[in-house]
Amino acid sequence: MYNYITYDPQILGGKPYIKDSRLSVEFIMELLASGGSIKEIHETYPQLSTEAIQEAIQYSANAVKNEILITSKITA
């Protein structure tokens, strides 16, 4: 399903990462969340193709697609 995203229990504690980079999907998302652009990430990490970065974004979107957020208030 993914060409660039993989995982290995022996690498990054099993977190998904971009193949041949050891840069986790989580790290890519943190860069984007802090204001970085795909272009800036690619320029900083030229070993990452823009397609790999975009796939990391898609992987993240798919990962949270079916999440359910449960909130509750505890009253005394």
PDB file of N, CA and C in Angstrom:
ATOM      1  N   MET A   1       0.811  -1.189   0.000  1.00  0.00           N
ATOM      2  CA  MET A   1       0.000   0.000   0.000  1.00  0.00           C
ATOM      3  C   MET A   1       0.862   1.264   0.000  1.00  0.00           C
ATOM      4  N   TYR A   2       1.989   1.216   0.713  1.00  0.00           N
ATOM      5  CA  TYR A   2       2.883   2.377   0.773  1.00  0.00           C
ATOM      6  C   TYR A   2       4.218   2.025   0.128  1.00  0.00           C
ATOM      7  N   ASN A   3       4.705   2.927  -0.683  1.00  0.00           N
ATOM      8  CA  ASN A   3       5.992   2.717  -1.347  1.00  0.00           C
ATOM      9  C   ASN A   3       7.166   3.218  -0.519  1.00  0.00           C
ATOM     10  N   TYR A   4       6.930   4.228   0.312  1.00  0.00           N
ATOM     11  CA  TYR A   4       8.022   4.873   1.035  1.00  0.00           C
ATOM     12  C   TYR A   4       7.985   4.649   2.539  1.00  0.00           C
ATOM     13  N   ILE A   5       6.849   4.263   3.078  1.00  0.00           N
ATOM     14  CA  ILE A   5       6.692   4.115   4.522  1.00  0.00           C
ATOM     15  C   ILE A   5       6.869   2.651   4.911  1.00  0.00           C
ATOM     16  N   THR A   6       7.638   2.427   5.958  1.00  0.00           N
ATOM     17  CA  THR A   6       7.850   1.074   6.449  1.00  0.00           C
ATOM     18  C   THR A   6       8.013   1.134   7.964  1.00  0.00           C
ATOM     19  N   TYR A   7       8.173  -0.014   8.567  1.00  0.00           N
ATOM     20  CA  TYR A   7       8.485  -0.060   9.989  1.00  0.00           C
ATOM     21  C   TYR A   7       9.280  -1.322  10.266  1.00  0.00           C
ATOM     22  N   ASP A   8      10.041  -1.274  11.339  1.00  0.00           N
ATOM     23  CA  ASP A   8      10.844  -2.397  11.776  1.00  0.00           C
ATOM     24  C   ASP A   8      10.940  -2.283  13.293  1.00  0.00           C
ATOM     25  N   PRO A   9      10.581  -3.324  14.019  1.00  0.00           N
ATOM     26  CA  PRO A   9      10.648  -3.245  15.479  1.00  0.00           C
ATOM     27  C   PRO A   9      12.036  -2.881  16.003  1.00  0.00           C
ATOM     28  N   GLN A  10      13.073  -3.104  15.205  1.00  0.00           N
ATOM     29  CA  GLN A  10      14.443  -2.815  15.616  1.00  0.00           C
ATOM     30  C   GLN A  10      14.884  -1.385  15.296  1.00  0.00           C
ATOM     31  N   ILE A  11      14.057  -0.648  14.559  1.00  0.00           N
ATOM     32  CA  ILE A  11      14.411   0.716  14.153  1.00  0.00           C
ATOM     33  C   ILE A  11      13.369   1.678  14.714  1.00  0.00           C
ATOM     34  N   LEU A  12      13.832   2.690  15.414  1.00  0.00           N
ATOM     35  CA  LEU A  12      12.969   3.722  15.996  1.00  0.00           C
ATOM     36  C   LEU A  12      11.866   3.140  16.868  1.00  0.00           C
ATOM     37  N   GLY A  13      12.152   2.037  17.501  1.00  0.00           N
ATOM     38  CA  GLY A  13      11.167   1.429  18.392  1.00  0.00           C
ATOM     39  C   GLY A  13       9.930   0.937  17.677  1.00  0.00           C
ATOM     40  N   GLY A  14      10.033   0.694  16.382  1.00  0.00           N
ATOM     41  CA  GLY A  14       8.893   0.196  15.618  1.00  0.00           C
ATOM     42  C   GLY A  14       8.003   1.276  15.028  1.00  0.00           C
ATOM     43  N   LYS A  15       8.384   2.557  15.207  1.00  0.00           N
ATOM     44  CA  LYS A  15       7.587   3.642  14.624  1.00  0.00           C
ATOM     45  C   LYS A  15       7.699   3.593  13.103  1.00  0.00           C
ATOM     46  N   PRO A  16       6.629   3.964  12.412  1.00  0.00           N
ATOM     47  CA  PRO A  16       6.721   4.034  10.951  1.00  0.00           C
ATOM     48  C   PRO A  16       7.696   5.135  10.544  1.00  0.00           C
ATOM     49  N   TYR A  17       8.472   4.844   9.515  1.00  0.00           N
ATOM     50  CA  TYR A  17       9.472   5.802   9.045  1.00  0.00           C
ATOM     51  C   TYR A  17       9.594   5.726   7.541  1.00  0.00           C
ATOM     52  N   ILE A  18      10.265   6.708   6.971  1.00  0.00           N
ATOM     53  CA  ILE A  18      10.481   6.722   5.529  1.00  0.00           C
ATOM     54  C   ILE A  18      11.686   5.847   5.226  1.00  0.00           C
ATOM     55  N   LYS A  19      11.488   4.903   4.317  1.00  0.00           N
ATOM     56  CA  LYS A  19      12.531   3.946   3.960  1.00  0.00           C
ATOM     57  C   LYS A  19      13.850   4.642   3.661  1.00  0.00           C
ATOM     58  N   ASP A  20      14.917   4.000   4.071  1.00  0.00           N
ATOM     59  CA  ASP A  20      16.286   4.453   3.809  1.00  0.00           C
ATOM     60  C   ASP A  20      16.614   5.806   4.427  1.00  0.00           C
ATOM     61  N   SER A  21      15.849   6.229   5.444  1.00  0.00           N
ATOM     62  CA  SER A  21      16.127   7.542   6.011  1.00  0.00           C
ATOM     63  C   SER A  21      16.239   7.552   7.533  1.00  0.00           C
ATOM     64  N   ARG A  22      15.538   6.644   8.208  1.00  0.00           N
ATOM     65  CA  ARG A  22      15.428   6.650   9.668  1.00  0.00           C
ATOM     66  C   ARG A  22      14.760   7.926  10.185  1.00  0.00           C
ATOM     67  N   LEU A  23      13.991   8.587   9.336  1.00  0.00           N
ATOM     68  CA  LEU A  23      13.195   9.736   9.747  1.00  0.00           C
ATOM     69  C   LEU A  23      11.754   9.257   9.890  1.00  0.00           C
ATOM     70  N   SER A  24      11.232   9.388  11.099  1.00  0.00           N
ATOM     71  CA  SER A  24       9.897   8.847  11.355  1.00  0.00           C
ATOM     72  C   SER A  24       8.817   9.719  10.739  1.00  0.00           C
ATOM     73  N   VAL A  25       7.687   9.104  10.487  1.00  0.00           N
ATOM     74  CA  VAL A  25       6.510   9.831  10.024  1.00  0.00           C
ATOM     75  C   VAL A  25       6.144  10.874  11.080  1.00  0.00           C
ATOM     76  N   GLU A  26       6.245  10.509  12.341  1.00  0.00           N
ATOM     77  CA  GLU A  26       5.966  11.437  13.430  1.00  0.00           C
ATOM     78  C   GLU A  26       6.837  12.688  13.325  1.00  0.00           C
ATOM     79  N   PHE A  27       8.130  12.514  13.048  1.00  0.00           N
ATOM     80  CA  PHE A  27       9.044  13.643  12.921  1.00  0.00           C
ATOM     81  C   PHE A  27       8.644  14.542  11.759  1.00  0.00           C
ATOM     82  N   ILE A  28       8.279  13.945  10.638  1.00  0.00           N
ATOM     83  CA  ILE A  28       7.841  14.721   9.473  1.00  0.00           C
ATOM     84  C   ILE A  28       6.606  15.538   9.828  1.00  0.00           C
ATOM     85  N   MET A  29       5.672  14.921  10.530  1.00  0.00           N
ATOM     86  CA  MET A  29       4.455  15.630  10.923  1.00  0.00           C
ATOM     87  C   MET A  29       4.769  16.765  11.896  1.00  0.00           C
ATOM     88  N   GLU A  30       5.732  16.563  12.778  1.00  0.00           N
ATOM     89  CA  GLU A  30       6.136  17.632  13.700  1.00  0.00           C
ATOM     90  C   GLU A  30       6.756  18.800  12.940  1.00  0.00           C
ATOM     91  N   LEU A  31       7.546  18.502  11.920  1.00  0.00           N
ATOM     92  CA  LEU A  31       8.118  19.568  11.100  1.00  0.00           C
ATOM     93  C   LEU A  31       7.021  20.371  10.413  1.00  0.00           C
ATOM     94  N   LEU A  32       6.042  19.686   9.861  1.00  0.00           N
ATOM     95  CA  LEU A  32       4.931  20.369   9.205  1.00  0.00           C
ATOM     96  C   LEU A  32       4.104  21.175  10.207  1.00  0.00           C
ATOM     97  N   ALA A  33       3.848  20.589  11.369  1.00  0.00           N
ATOM     98  CA  ALA A  33       3.049  21.267  12.393  1.00  0.00           C
ATOM     99  C   ALA A  33       3.740  22.518  12.928  1.00  0.00           C
ATOM    100  N   SER A  34       5.055  22.540  12.873  1.00  0.00           N
ATOM    101  CA  SER A  34       5.786  23.710  13.367  1.00  0.00           C
ATOM    102  C   SER A  34       5.968  24.770  12.285  1.00  0.00           C
ATOM    103  N   GLY A  35       5.323  24.557  11.141  1.00  0.00           N
ATOM    104  CA  GLY A  35       5.341  25.577  10.100  1.00  0.00           C
ATOM    105  C   GLY A  35       6.195  25.267   8.896  1.00  0.00           C
ATOM    106  N   GLY A  36       6.865  24.135   8.900  1.00  0.00           N
ATOM    107  CA  GLY A  36       7.686  23.761   7.757  1.00  0.00           C
ATOM    108  C   GLY A  36       6.818  23.377   6.567  1.00  0.00           C
ATOM    109  N   SER A  37       7.348  23.564   5.394  1.00  0.00           N
ATOM    110  CA  SER A  37       6.645  23.168   4.172  1.00  0.00           C
ATOM    111  C   SER A  37       7.299  21.904   3.602  1.00  0.00           C
ATOM    112  N   ILE A  38       6.603  21.275   2.699  1.00  0.00           N
ATOM    113  CA  ILE A  38       7.175  20.094   2.039  1.00  0.00           C
ATOM    114  C   ILE A  38       8.479  20.478   1.350  1.00  0.00           C
ATOM    115  N   LYS A  39       8.497  21.633   0.705  1.00  0.00           N
ATOM    116  CA  LYS A  39       9.706  22.102   0.019  1.00  0.00           C
ATOM    117  C   LYS A  39      10.863  22.294   1.003  1.00  0.00           C
ATOM    118  N   GLU A  40      10.577  22.920   2.154  1.00  0.00           N
ATOM    119  CA  GLU A  40      11.623  23.145   3.152  1.00  0.00           C
ATOM    120  C   GLU A  40      12.148  21.834   3.724  1.00  0.00           C
ATOM    121  N   ILE A  41      11.253  20.892   3.959  1.00  0.00           N
ATOM    122  CA  ILE A  41      11.681  19.587   4.475  1.00  0.00           C
ATOM    123  C   ILE A  41      12.574  18.900   3.449  1.00  0.00           C
ATOM    124  N   HIS A  42      12.171  18.942   2.196  1.00  0.00           N
ATOM    125  CA  HIS A  42      12.970  18.328   1.130  1.00  0.00           C
ATOM    126  C   HIS A  42      14.339  19.000   1.011  1.00  0.00           C
ATOM    127  N   GLU A  43      14.380  20.316   1.152  1.00  0.00           N
ATOM    128  CA  GLU A  43      15.660  21.031   1.066  1.00  0.00           C
ATOM    129  C   GLU A  43      16.564  20.698   2.251  1.00  0.00           C
ATOM    130  N   THR A  44      15.972  20.531   3.430  1.00  0.00           N
ATOM    131  CA  THR A  44      16.743  20.207   4.624  1.00  0.00           C
ATOM    132  C   THR A  44      17.191  18.753   4.626  1.00  0.00           C
ATOM    133  N   TYR A  45      16.338  17.874   4.113  1.00  0.00           N
ATOM    134  CA  TYR A  45      16.616  16.437   4.049  1.00  0.00           C
ATOM    135  C   TYR A  45      16.500  15.994   2.592  1.00  0.00           C
ATOM    136  N   PRO A  46      17.497  16.332   1.761  1.00  0.00           N
ATOM    137  CA  PRO A  46      17.395  16.062   0.323  1.00  0.00           C
ATOM    138  C   PRO A  46      17.291  14.574  -0.028  1.00  0.00           C
ATOM    139  N   GLN A  47      17.596  13.699   0.936  1.00  0.00           N
ATOM    140  CA  GLN A  47      17.442  12.275   0.665  1.00  0.00           C
ATOM    141  C   GLN A  47      15.965  11.876   0.599  1.00  0.00           C
ATOM    142  N   LEU A  48      15.077  12.765   1.075  1.00  0.00           N
ATOM    143  CA  LEU A  48      13.638  12.503   1.017  1.00  0.00           C
ATOM    144  C   LEU A  48      13.059  13.120  -0.247  1.00  0.00           C
ATOM    145  N   SER A  49      12.380  12.317  -1.010  1.00  0.00           N
ATOM    146  CA  SER A  49      11.679  12.871  -2.166  1.00  0.00           C
ATOM    147  C   SER A  49      10.400  13.552  -1.682  1.00  0.00           C
ATOM    148  N   THR A  50       9.899  14.466  -2.488  1.00  0.00           N
ATOM    149  CA  THR A  50       8.632  15.090  -2.126  1.00  0.00           C
ATOM    150  C   THR A  50       7.514  14.058  -2.083  1.00  0.00           C
ATOM    151  N   GLU A  51       7.626  13.032  -2.923  1.00  0.00           N
ATOM    152  CA  GLU A  51       6.620  11.961  -2.917  1.00  0.00           C
ATOM    153  C   GLU A  51       6.635  11.209  -1.583  1.00  0.00           C
ATOM    154  N   ALA A  52       7.824  10.988  -1.028  1.00  0.00           N
ATOM    155  CA  ALA A  52       7.932  10.297   0.255  1.00  0.00           C
ATOM    156  C   ALA A  52       7.328  11.146   1.371  1.00  0.00           C
ATOM    157  N   ILE A  53       7.563  12.438   1.328  1.00  0.00           N
ATOM    158  CA  ILE A  53       7.000  13.342   2.337  1.00  0.00           C
ATOM    159  C   ILE A  53       5.481  13.356   2.217  1.00  0.00           C
ATOM    160  N   GLN A  54       4.982  13.439   1.009  1.00  0.00           N
ATOM    161  CA  GLN A  54       3.532  13.431   0.795  1.00  0.00           C
ATOM    162  C   GLN A  54       2.915  12.113   1.257  1.00  0.00           C
ATOM    163  N   GLU A  55       3.633  11.028   1.051  1.00  0.00           N
ATOM    164  CA  GLU A  55       3.128   9.730   1.507  1.00  0.00           C
ATOM    165  C   GLU A  55       3.096   9.669   3.033  1.00  0.00           C
ATOM    166  N   ALA A  56       4.049  10.301   3.694  1.00  0.00           N
ATOM    167  CA  ALA A  56       4.029  10.355   5.151  1.00  0.00           C
ATOM    168  C   ALA A  56       2.793  11.107   5.644  1.00  0.00           C
ATOM    169  N   ILE A  57       2.433  12.171   4.943  1.00  0.00           N
ATOM    170  CA  ILE A  57       1.225  12.922   5.282  1.00  0.00           C
ATOM    171  C   ILE A  57      -0.005  12.041   5.081  1.00  0.00           C
ATOM    172  N   GLN A  58      -0.060  11.335   3.965  1.00  0.00           N
ATOM    173  CA  GLN A  58      -1.196  10.450   3.690  1.00  0.00           C
ATOM    174  C   GLN A  58      -1.278   9.331   4.721  1.00  0.00           C
ATOM    175  N   TYR A  59      -0.142   8.765   5.087  1.00  0.00           N
ATOM    176  CA  TYR A  59      -0.109   7.717   6.110  1.00  0.00           C
ATOM    177  C   TYR A  59      -0.706   8.246   7.417  1.00  0.00           C
ATOM    178  N   SER A  60      -0.296   9.452   7.799  1.00  0.00           N
ATOM    179  CA  SER A  60      -0.803  10.051   9.029  1.00  0.00           C
ATOM    180  C   SER A  60      -2.306  10.278   8.962  1.00  0.00           C
ATOM    181  N   ALA A  61      -2.770  10.767   7.834  1.00  0.00           N
ATOM    182  CA  ALA A  61      -4.208  10.993   7.664  1.00  0.00           C
ATOM    183  C   ALA A  61      -4.973   9.683   7.783  1.00  0.00           C
ATOM    184  N   ASN A  62      -4.464   8.645   7.178  1.00  0.00           N
ATOM    185  CA  ASN A  62      -5.125   7.340   7.259  1.00  0.00           C
ATOM    186  C   ASN A  62      -5.092   6.783   8.674  1.00  0.00           C
ATOM    187  N   ALA A  63      -4.017   7.046   9.393  1.00  0.00           N
ATOM    188  CA  ALA A  63      -3.869   6.521  10.747  1.00  0.00           C
ATOM    189  C   ALA A  63      -4.893   7.109  11.708  1.00  0.00           C
ATOM    190  N   VAL A  64      -5.265   8.360  11.497  1.00  0.00           N
ATOM    191  CA  VAL A  64      -6.219   8.994  12.418  1.00  0.00           C
ATOM    192  C   VAL A  64      -7.648   9.007  11.877  1.00  0.00           C
ATOM    193  N   LYS A  65      -7.837   8.498  10.692  1.00  0.00           N
ATOM    194  CA  LYS A  65      -9.147   8.551  10.047  1.00  0.00           C
ATOM    195  C   LYS A  65     -10.255   7.956  10.904  1.00  0.00           C
ATOM    196  N   ASN A  66     -10.011   6.855  11.550  1.00  0.00           N
ATOM    197  CA  ASN A  66     -11.057   6.171  12.302  1.00  0.00           C
ATOM    198  C   ASN A  66     -10.874   6.277  13.804  1.00  0.00           C
ATOM    199  N   GLU A  67     -10.049   7.228  14.241  1.00  0.00           N
ATOM    200  CA  GLU A  67      -9.879   7.412  15.677  1.00  0.00           C
ATOM    201  C   GLU A  67     -11.138   8.017  16.273  1.00  0.00           C
ATOM    202  N   ILE A  68     -11.416   7.646  17.500  1.00  0.00           N
ATOM    203  CA  ILE A  68     -12.539   8.206  18.237  1.00  0.00           C
ATOM    204  C   ILE A  68     -11.966   8.886  19.470  1.00  0.00           C
ATOM    205  N   LEU A  69     -12.301  10.136  19.637  1.00  0.00           N
ATOM    206  CA  LEU A  69     -11.844  10.887  20.798  1.00  0.00           C
ATOM    207  C   LEU A  69     -12.936  10.821  21.856  1.00  0.00           C
ATOM    208  N   ILE A  70     -12.588  10.317  22.998  1.00  0.00           N
ATOM    209  CA  ILE A  70     -13.535  10.198  24.098  1.00  0.00           C
ATOM    210  C   ILE A  70     -13.140  11.199  25.163  1.00  0.00           C
ATOM    211  N   THR A  71     -14.069  12.052  25.501  1.00  0.00           N
ATOM    212  CA  THR A  71     -13.833  13.028  26.555  1.00  0.00           C
ATOM    213  C   THR A  71     -14.880  12.821  27.643  1.00  0.00           C
ATOM    214  N   SER A  72     -14.496  13.125  28.841  1.00  0.00           N
ATOM    215  CA  SER A  72     -15.446  13.021  29.942  1.00  0.00           C
ATOM    216  C   SER A  72     -15.055  14.000  31.038  1.00  0.00           C
ATOM    217  N   LYS A  73     -16.039  14.372  31.816  1.00  0.00           N
ATOM    218  CA  LYS A  73     -15.791  15.226  32.968  1.00  0.00           C
ATOM    219  C   LYS A  73     -15.982  14.378  34.212  1.00  0.00           C
ATOM    220  N   ILE A  74     -15.085  14.569  35.119  1.00  0.00           N
ATOM    221  CA  ILE A  74     -15.198  13.866  36.398  1.00  0.00           C
ATOM    222  C   ILE A  74     -15.703  14.888  37.407  1.00  0.00           C
ATOM    223  N   THR A  75     -16.803  14.553  38.001  1.00  0.00           N
ATOM    224  CA  THR A  75     -17.356  15.445  39.019  1.00  0.00           C
ATOM    225  C   THR A  75     -17.232  14.796  40.381  1.00  0.00           C
ATOM    226  N   ALA A  76     -17.020  15.636  41.361  1.00  0.00           N
ATOM    227  CA  ALA A  76     -16.826  15.108  42.727  1.00  0.00           C
ATOM    228  C   ALA A  76     -18.142  14.886  43.416  1.00  0.00           C
TER     229      ALA A  76
END
